[in-house]
């Protein structure tokens, strides 16, 4: 019998995204959607990175990222700034609006982690995360 791992991973992502979007709406956060929140999360860790680096860390094609960044810039979440040493490069920078949303996003993200891992022991979570890291490495090796 063929493994259903890929199907389950895709389904988990779709359902998880819907639940997270509902949590955003319930918390009255309309400044960004779940997909944009993932980009903000990366920028909260490392503000001012290039679009190419943001795309790499998010696992998105640059063309997909560009349209998302356009919407985020229109919403006042990010700004694009020229990199001083190399004027050809553009840095993606958070605005004060986006910085102010970090705490609530992190709370909702923690809520999602609780949903995903409900009923798992600490040992099971550690093992699960090791397996996920191996899957991620396998995928990255194929790129």
N, C-alpha and C. Protein backbone atom coordinates (compact mmCIF):
# COMPACT_ATOMS: atom_id res chain seq x y z
N UNK A 1 0.84 -1.19 0.00
CA UNK A 1 0.00 0.00 0.00
C UNK A 1 0.89 1.25 0.00
N UNK A 2 0.54 2.20 -0.81
CA UNK A 2 1.32 3.43 -0.93
C UNK A 2 1.15 4.29 0.32
N UNK A 3 2.20 4.99 0.66
CA UNK A 3 2.16 5.90 1.80
C UNK A 3 1.26 7.09 1.50
N UNK A 4 0.55 7.55 2.50
CA UNK A 4 -0.31 8.72 2.36
C UNK A 4 0.31 9.94 3.03
N UNK A 5 1.60 9.89 3.33
CA UNK A 5 2.26 10.97 4.06
C UNK A 5 2.12 12.31 3.35
N UNK A 6 2.40 12.35 2.06
CA UNK A 6 2.30 13.62 1.32
C UNK A 6 0.90 14.17 1.33
N UNK A 7 -0.09 13.30 1.14
CA UNK A 7 -1.49 13.72 1.18
C UNK A 7 -1.84 14.28 2.55
N UNK A 8 -1.41 13.58 3.62
CA UNK A 8 -1.71 14.05 4.97
C UNK A 8 -1.04 15.38 5.27
N UNK A 9 0.21 15.55 4.83
CA UNK A 9 0.91 16.82 5.06
C UNK A 9 0.16 17.96 4.37
N UNK A 10 -0.27 17.74 3.13
CA UNK A 10 -1.02 18.77 2.41
C UNK A 10 -2.34 19.09 3.10
N UNK A 11 -3.03 18.06 3.55
CA UNK A 11 -4.31 18.27 4.23
C UNK A 11 -4.12 18.99 5.56
N UNK A 12 -3.09 18.62 6.30
CA UNK A 12 -2.79 19.29 7.58
C UNK A 12 -2.53 20.77 7.34
N UNK A 13 -1.78 21.08 6.29
CA UNK A 13 -1.49 22.49 5.99
C UNK A 13 -2.77 23.24 5.64
N UNK A 14 -3.60 22.68 4.79
CA UNK A 14 -4.85 23.36 4.39
C UNK A 14 -5.76 23.61 5.59
N UNK A 15 -5.97 22.58 6.40
CA UNK A 15 -6.85 22.72 7.55
C UNK A 15 -6.23 23.67 8.58
N UNK A 16 -4.93 23.53 8.82
CA UNK A 16 -4.25 24.42 9.75
C UNK A 16 -4.34 25.87 9.32
N UNK A 17 -4.17 26.12 8.02
CA UNK A 17 -4.29 27.49 7.50
C UNK A 17 -5.69 28.06 7.74
N UNK A 18 -6.72 27.24 7.52
CA UNK A 18 -8.10 27.70 7.75
C UNK A 18 -8.34 28.01 9.22
N UNK A 19 -7.86 27.16 10.10
CA UNK A 19 -8.05 27.38 11.54
C UNK A 19 -7.31 28.64 11.97
N UNK A 20 -6.08 28.84 11.47
CA UNK A 20 -5.32 30.03 11.84
C UNK A 20 -6.01 31.29 11.34
N UNK A 21 -6.56 31.23 10.13
CA UNK A 21 -7.28 32.39 9.59
C UNK A 21 -8.49 32.72 10.48
N UNK A 22 -9.19 31.70 10.95
CA UNK A 22 -10.32 31.92 11.87
C UNK A 22 -9.85 32.56 13.17
N UNK A 23 -8.69 32.11 13.66
CA UNK A 23 -8.14 32.69 14.89
C UNK A 23 -7.78 34.16 14.68
N UNK A 24 -7.22 34.48 13.52
CA UNK A 24 -6.91 35.88 13.20
C UNK A 24 -8.19 36.72 13.21
N UNK A 25 -9.23 36.21 12.56
CA UNK A 25 -10.50 36.93 12.49
C UNK A 25 -11.12 37.09 13.87
N UNK A 26 -11.08 36.03 14.68
CA UNK A 26 -11.63 36.09 16.04
C UNK A 26 -10.89 37.11 16.90
N UNK A 27 -9.57 37.23 16.67
CA UNK A 27 -8.75 38.20 17.42
C UNK A 27 -8.86 39.60 16.81
N UNK A 28 -9.70 39.73 15.77
CA UNK A 28 -9.92 41.00 15.08
C UNK A 28 -8.63 41.56 14.48
N UNK A 29 -7.83 40.64 13.94
CA UNK A 29 -6.62 41.04 13.22
C UNK A 29 -6.94 40.94 11.73
N UNK A 30 -7.11 42.08 11.11
CA UNK A 30 -7.43 42.10 9.69
C UNK A 30 -6.31 42.72 8.87
N UNK A 31 -5.22 43.11 9.52
CA UNK A 31 -4.12 43.77 8.82
C UNK A 31 -3.37 42.82 7.89
N UNK A 32 -3.45 41.51 8.17
CA UNK A 32 -2.76 40.54 7.32
C UNK A 32 -3.48 39.21 7.40
N UNK A 33 -3.22 38.36 6.40
CA UNK A 33 -3.77 37.01 6.42
C UNK A 33 -2.70 36.04 6.89
N UNK A 34 -3.06 34.77 6.98
CA UNK A 34 -2.13 33.78 7.50
C UNK A 34 -0.85 33.66 6.69
N UNK A 35 -0.96 33.70 5.36
CA UNK A 35 0.23 33.60 4.51
C UNK A 35 1.15 34.80 4.72
N UNK A 36 0.57 35.98 4.83
CA UNK A 36 1.38 37.18 5.08
C UNK A 36 1.99 37.13 6.47
N UNK A 37 1.26 36.54 7.42
CA UNK A 37 1.79 36.40 8.77
C UNK A 37 3.07 35.59 8.81
N UNK A 38 3.16 34.59 7.93
CA UNK A 38 4.38 33.78 7.87
C UNK A 38 5.56 34.63 7.41
N UNK A 39 5.30 35.55 6.48
CA UNK A 39 6.36 36.46 6.03
C UNK A 39 6.74 37.43 7.14
N UNK A 40 5.72 37.94 7.83
CA UNK A 40 5.99 38.85 8.94
C UNK A 40 6.82 38.15 10.01
N UNK A 41 6.50 36.89 10.27
CA UNK A 41 7.25 36.13 11.28
C UNK A 41 8.73 36.10 10.94
N UNK A 42 9.04 35.85 9.67
CA UNK A 42 10.44 35.83 9.25
C UNK A 42 11.06 37.21 9.45
N UNK A 43 10.33 38.25 9.07
CA UNK A 43 10.86 39.61 9.21
C UNK A 43 10.98 40.02 10.67
N UNK A 44 10.11 39.53 11.54
CA UNK A 44 10.26 39.83 12.97
C UNK A 44 11.57 39.25 13.50
N UNK A 45 12.03 38.16 12.90
CA UNK A 45 13.29 37.56 13.33
C UNK A 45 14.48 38.25 12.69
N UNK A 46 14.29 38.76 11.47
CA UNK A 46 15.41 39.33 10.72
C UNK A 46 14.88 40.43 9.80
N UNK A 47 14.63 41.59 10.35
CA UNK A 47 14.09 42.72 9.58
C UNK A 47 15.15 43.24 8.61
N UNK A 48 14.70 43.68 7.45
CA UNK A 48 15.61 44.31 6.50
C UNK A 48 16.36 43.35 5.60
N UNK A 49 15.81 42.15 5.39
CA UNK A 49 16.47 41.20 4.49
C UNK A 49 15.98 41.45 3.06
N UNK A 50 16.67 40.88 2.10
CA UNK A 50 16.30 41.04 0.70
C UNK A 50 15.07 40.19 0.38
N UNK A 51 14.40 40.55 -0.70
CA UNK A 51 13.24 39.76 -1.14
C UNK A 51 13.67 38.34 -1.49
N UNK A 52 14.83 38.19 -2.10
CA UNK A 52 15.31 36.85 -2.46
C UNK A 52 15.52 35.99 -1.21
N UNK A 53 16.08 36.59 -0.16
CA UNK A 53 16.30 35.85 1.09
C UNK A 53 14.97 35.53 1.76
N UNK A 54 14.05 36.47 1.73
CA UNK A 54 12.72 36.23 2.31
C UNK A 54 12.02 35.10 1.56
N UNK A 55 12.11 35.11 0.23
CA UNK A 55 11.51 34.04 -0.58
C UNK A 55 12.14 32.69 -0.22
N UNK A 56 13.45 32.68 -0.08
CA UNK A 56 14.15 31.43 0.26
C UNK A 56 13.69 30.89 1.61
N UNK A 57 13.65 31.78 2.61
CA UNK A 57 13.26 31.33 3.95
C UNK A 57 11.79 30.91 4.01
N UNK A 58 10.95 31.55 3.21
CA UNK A 58 9.52 31.22 3.20
C UNK A 58 9.21 30.04 2.30
N UNK A 59 10.15 29.65 1.45
CA UNK A 59 9.92 28.56 0.52
C UNK A 59 8.99 28.96 -0.61
N UNK A 60 9.04 30.23 -1.02
CA UNK A 60 8.18 30.76 -2.07
C UNK A 60 9.00 31.16 -3.29
N UNK A 61 8.36 31.11 -4.45
CA UNK A 61 8.99 31.65 -5.65
C UNK A 61 9.01 33.17 -5.52
N UNK A 62 10.04 33.80 -6.04
CA UNK A 62 10.15 35.26 -5.96
C UNK A 62 8.94 35.93 -6.60
N UNK A 63 8.43 35.36 -7.70
CA UNK A 63 7.26 35.96 -8.36
C UNK A 63 6.03 35.92 -7.46
N UNK A 64 5.85 34.85 -6.73
CA UNK A 64 4.74 34.76 -5.77
C UNK A 64 4.93 35.76 -4.65
N UNK A 65 6.14 35.84 -4.16
CA UNK A 65 6.45 36.75 -3.06
C UNK A 65 6.21 38.20 -3.46
N UNK A 66 6.57 38.57 -4.67
CA UNK A 66 6.46 39.96 -5.11
C UNK A 66 5.03 40.46 -4.99
N UNK A 67 4.06 39.68 -5.44
CA UNK A 67 2.66 40.12 -5.35
C UNK A 67 2.20 40.19 -3.90
N UNK A 68 2.68 39.28 -3.06
CA UNK A 68 2.33 39.34 -1.64
C UNK A 68 2.92 40.60 -1.00
N UNK A 69 4.17 40.91 -1.34
CA UNK A 69 4.81 42.11 -0.79
C UNK A 69 4.10 43.38 -1.26
N UNK A 70 3.64 43.38 -2.51
CA UNK A 70 2.88 44.54 -3.01
C UNK A 70 1.66 44.79 -2.13
N UNK A 71 0.91 43.73 -1.82
CA UNK A 71 -0.29 43.87 -0.98
C UNK A 71 0.08 44.29 0.44
N UNK A 72 1.17 43.73 0.97
CA UNK A 72 1.60 44.08 2.33
C UNK A 72 2.07 45.53 2.40
N UNK A 73 2.69 46.00 1.34
CA UNK A 73 3.13 47.40 1.30
C UNK A 73 1.92 48.32 1.23
N UNK A 74 0.92 47.96 0.43
CA UNK A 74 -0.31 48.75 0.32
C UNK A 74 -1.05 48.79 1.65
N UNK A 75 -0.94 47.72 2.44
CA UNK A 75 -1.60 47.65 3.75
C UNK A 75 -0.80 48.35 4.85
N UNK A 76 0.39 48.83 4.52
CA UNK A 76 1.20 49.53 5.51
C UNK A 76 1.99 48.63 6.44
N UNK A 77 2.20 47.36 6.04
CA UNK A 77 2.92 46.42 6.89
C UNK A 77 4.43 46.42 6.65
N UNK A 78 4.82 46.67 5.41
CA UNK A 78 6.24 46.66 5.07
C UNK A 78 6.57 47.86 4.19
N UNK A 79 7.85 48.16 4.12
CA UNK A 79 8.33 49.14 3.15
C UNK A 79 9.53 48.52 2.45
N UNK A 80 9.77 48.98 1.25
CA UNK A 80 10.94 48.54 0.50
C UNK A 80 11.94 49.69 0.52
N UNK A 81 13.15 49.37 0.94
CA UNK A 81 14.18 50.40 1.05
C UNK A 81 15.43 49.95 0.30
N UNK A 82 16.07 50.89 -0.35
CA UNK A 82 17.32 50.59 -1.06
C UNK A 82 18.42 50.31 -0.04
N UNK A 83 19.22 49.31 -0.35
CA UNK A 83 20.36 48.97 0.49
C UNK A 83 21.48 49.96 0.19
N UNK A 84 21.97 50.65 1.21
CA UNK A 84 22.99 51.69 1.01
C UNK A 84 24.24 51.20 0.28
N UNK A 85 24.88 50.10 0.72
CA UNK A 85 26.10 49.70 0.03
C UNK A 85 25.87 49.32 -1.44
N UNK A 86 24.74 48.68 -1.72
CA UNK A 86 24.44 48.23 -3.08
C UNK A 86 23.06 48.73 -3.46
N UNK A 87 22.99 49.87 -4.12
CA UNK A 87 21.72 50.52 -4.44
C UNK A 87 20.82 49.66 -5.32
N UNK A 88 21.37 48.61 -5.93
CA UNK A 88 20.55 47.73 -6.76
C UNK A 88 19.68 46.81 -5.91
N UNK A 89 20.08 46.58 -4.69
CA UNK A 89 19.35 45.67 -3.80
C UNK A 89 18.31 46.44 -3.00
N UNK A 90 17.20 45.76 -2.75
CA UNK A 90 16.13 46.33 -1.95
C UNK A 90 15.94 45.49 -0.71
N UNK A 91 15.82 46.15 0.44
CA UNK A 91 15.56 45.48 1.71
C UNK A 91 14.06 45.56 2.00
N UNK A 92 13.53 44.52 2.59
CA UNK A 92 12.14 44.49 3.03
C UNK A 92 12.14 44.80 4.52
N UNK A 93 11.49 45.91 4.87
CA UNK A 93 11.52 46.39 6.25
C UNK A 93 10.11 46.47 6.84
N UNK A 94 10.00 46.13 8.10
CA UNK A 94 8.73 46.21 8.81
C UNK A 94 8.39 47.66 9.14
N UNK A 95 7.10 47.95 9.16
CA UNK A 95 6.63 49.25 9.62
C UNK A 95 6.28 49.13 11.10
N UNK A 96 6.00 50.26 11.71
CA UNK A 96 5.57 50.26 13.12
C UNK A 96 4.28 49.46 13.29
N UNK A 97 3.37 49.57 12.31
CA UNK A 97 2.12 48.80 12.36
C UNK A 97 2.43 47.31 12.49
N UNK A 98 3.31 46.81 11.64
CA UNK A 98 3.65 45.38 11.68
C UNK A 98 4.35 45.00 12.98
N UNK A 99 5.24 45.85 13.45
CA UNK A 99 5.93 45.55 14.71
C UNK A 99 4.94 45.46 15.86
N UNK A 100 3.91 46.28 15.82
CA UNK A 100 2.91 46.28 16.88
C UNK A 100 2.03 45.04 16.90
N UNK A 101 2.02 44.28 15.82
CA UNK A 101 1.19 43.08 15.73
C UNK A 101 1.93 41.81 16.15
N UNK A 102 3.21 41.93 16.40
CA UNK A 102 4.03 40.75 16.68
C UNK A 102 3.54 39.96 17.89
N UNK A 103 3.27 40.62 18.99
CA UNK A 103 2.86 39.91 20.21
C UNK A 103 1.59 39.11 20.03
N UNK A 104 0.59 39.70 19.40
CA UNK A 104 -0.68 38.99 19.17
C UNK A 104 -0.48 37.82 18.21
N UNK A 105 0.33 38.02 17.17
CA UNK A 105 0.60 36.94 16.23
C UNK A 105 1.28 35.77 16.95
N UNK A 106 2.25 36.08 17.78
CA UNK A 106 2.96 35.02 18.50
C UNK A 106 2.03 34.28 19.45
N UNK A 107 1.08 34.99 20.07
CA UNK A 107 0.10 34.33 20.94
C UNK A 107 -0.76 33.37 20.12
N UNK A 108 -1.23 33.82 18.96
CA UNK A 108 -2.05 32.97 18.11
C UNK A 108 -1.24 31.78 17.57
N UNK A 109 0.01 32.02 17.26
CA UNK A 109 0.88 30.95 16.79
C UNK A 109 1.07 29.89 17.88
N UNK A 110 1.24 30.35 19.12
CA UNK A 110 1.33 29.41 20.24
C UNK A 110 0.04 28.61 20.40
N UNK A 111 -1.10 29.28 20.20
CA UNK A 111 -2.39 28.58 20.25
C UNK A 111 -2.44 27.48 19.19
N UNK A 112 -1.94 27.80 17.99
CA UNK A 112 -1.94 26.80 16.92
C UNK A 112 -1.04 25.63 17.26
N UNK A 113 0.10 25.92 17.85
CA UNK A 113 1.00 24.84 18.25
C UNK A 113 0.30 23.92 19.25
N UNK A 114 -0.45 24.51 20.17
CA UNK A 114 -1.21 23.71 21.14
C UNK A 114 -2.23 22.83 20.44
N UNK A 115 -2.88 23.36 19.40
CA UNK A 115 -3.85 22.57 18.64
C UNK A 115 -3.14 21.41 17.94
N UNK A 116 -2.05 21.71 17.24
CA UNK A 116 -1.33 20.67 16.50
C UNK A 116 -0.82 19.56 17.41
N UNK A 117 -0.35 19.91 18.59
CA UNK A 117 0.35 18.94 19.43
C UNK A 117 -0.47 18.44 20.62
N UNK A 118 -1.76 18.76 20.63
CA UNK A 118 -2.63 18.32 21.72
C UNK A 118 -2.56 16.79 21.86
N UNK A 119 -2.34 16.34 23.08
CA UNK A 119 -2.33 14.91 23.36
C UNK A 119 -0.98 14.23 23.16
N UNK A 120 0.02 14.95 22.68
CA UNK A 120 1.35 14.39 22.49
C UNK A 120 2.18 14.59 23.76
N UNK A 121 2.97 13.59 24.10
CA UNK A 121 3.90 13.74 25.22
C UNK A 121 5.11 14.55 24.74
N UNK A 122 5.92 15.01 25.69
CA UNK A 122 7.14 15.76 25.33
C UNK A 122 8.05 14.89 24.46
N UNK A 123 8.17 13.62 24.80
CA UNK A 123 9.01 12.71 24.03
C UNK A 123 8.47 12.56 22.61
N UNK A 124 7.15 12.44 22.46
CA UNK A 124 6.56 12.32 21.13
C UNK A 124 6.76 13.59 20.30
N UNK A 125 6.64 14.74 20.96
CA UNK A 125 6.87 16.01 20.24
C UNK A 125 8.31 16.07 19.75
N UNK A 126 9.26 15.70 20.60
CA UNK A 126 10.67 15.71 20.19
C UNK A 126 10.92 14.78 19.01
N UNK A 127 10.37 13.59 19.07
CA UNK A 127 10.53 12.62 17.99
C UNK A 127 9.85 13.13 16.71
N UNK A 128 8.66 13.65 16.84
CA UNK A 128 7.92 14.20 15.70
C UNK A 128 8.71 15.30 15.02
N UNK A 129 9.28 16.21 15.80
CA UNK A 129 10.06 17.31 15.24
C UNK A 129 11.34 16.80 14.57
N UNK A 130 11.92 15.73 15.09
CA UNK A 130 13.08 15.13 14.42
C UNK A 130 12.68 14.57 13.06
N UNK A 131 11.52 13.92 13.01
CA UNK A 131 11.04 13.38 11.74
C UNK A 131 10.74 14.50 10.75
N UNK A 132 10.10 15.56 11.23
CA UNK A 132 9.80 16.70 10.35
C UNK A 132 11.08 17.32 9.81
N UNK A 133 12.11 17.44 10.65
CA UNK A 133 13.39 18.00 10.22
C UNK A 133 14.00 17.13 9.12
N UNK A 134 13.87 15.83 9.24
CA UNK A 134 14.40 14.92 8.22
C UNK A 134 13.63 15.06 6.92
N UNK A 135 12.30 15.18 7.00
CA UNK A 135 11.49 15.38 5.80
C UNK A 135 11.89 16.68 5.12
N UNK A 136 12.02 17.75 5.92
CA UNK A 136 12.41 19.05 5.37
C UNK A 136 13.77 18.97 4.69
N UNK A 137 14.73 18.31 5.31
CA UNK A 137 16.06 18.17 4.70
C UNK A 137 15.96 17.40 3.39
N UNK A 138 15.18 16.33 3.37
CA UNK A 138 15.00 15.56 2.13
C UNK A 138 14.47 16.46 1.01
N UNK A 139 13.50 17.28 1.33
CA UNK A 139 12.93 18.18 0.33
C UNK A 139 13.95 19.23 -0.12
N UNK A 140 14.66 19.79 0.83
CA UNK A 140 15.65 20.82 0.48
C UNK A 140 16.78 20.22 -0.37
N UNK A 141 17.13 18.96 -0.12
CA UNK A 141 18.16 18.30 -0.92
C UNK A 141 17.71 18.10 -2.36
N UNK A 142 16.42 18.04 -2.58
CA UNK A 142 15.86 17.83 -3.93
C UNK A 142 15.76 19.12 -4.73
N UNK A 143 15.81 20.27 -4.05
CA UNK A 143 15.66 21.55 -4.76
C UNK A 143 16.82 21.83 -5.68
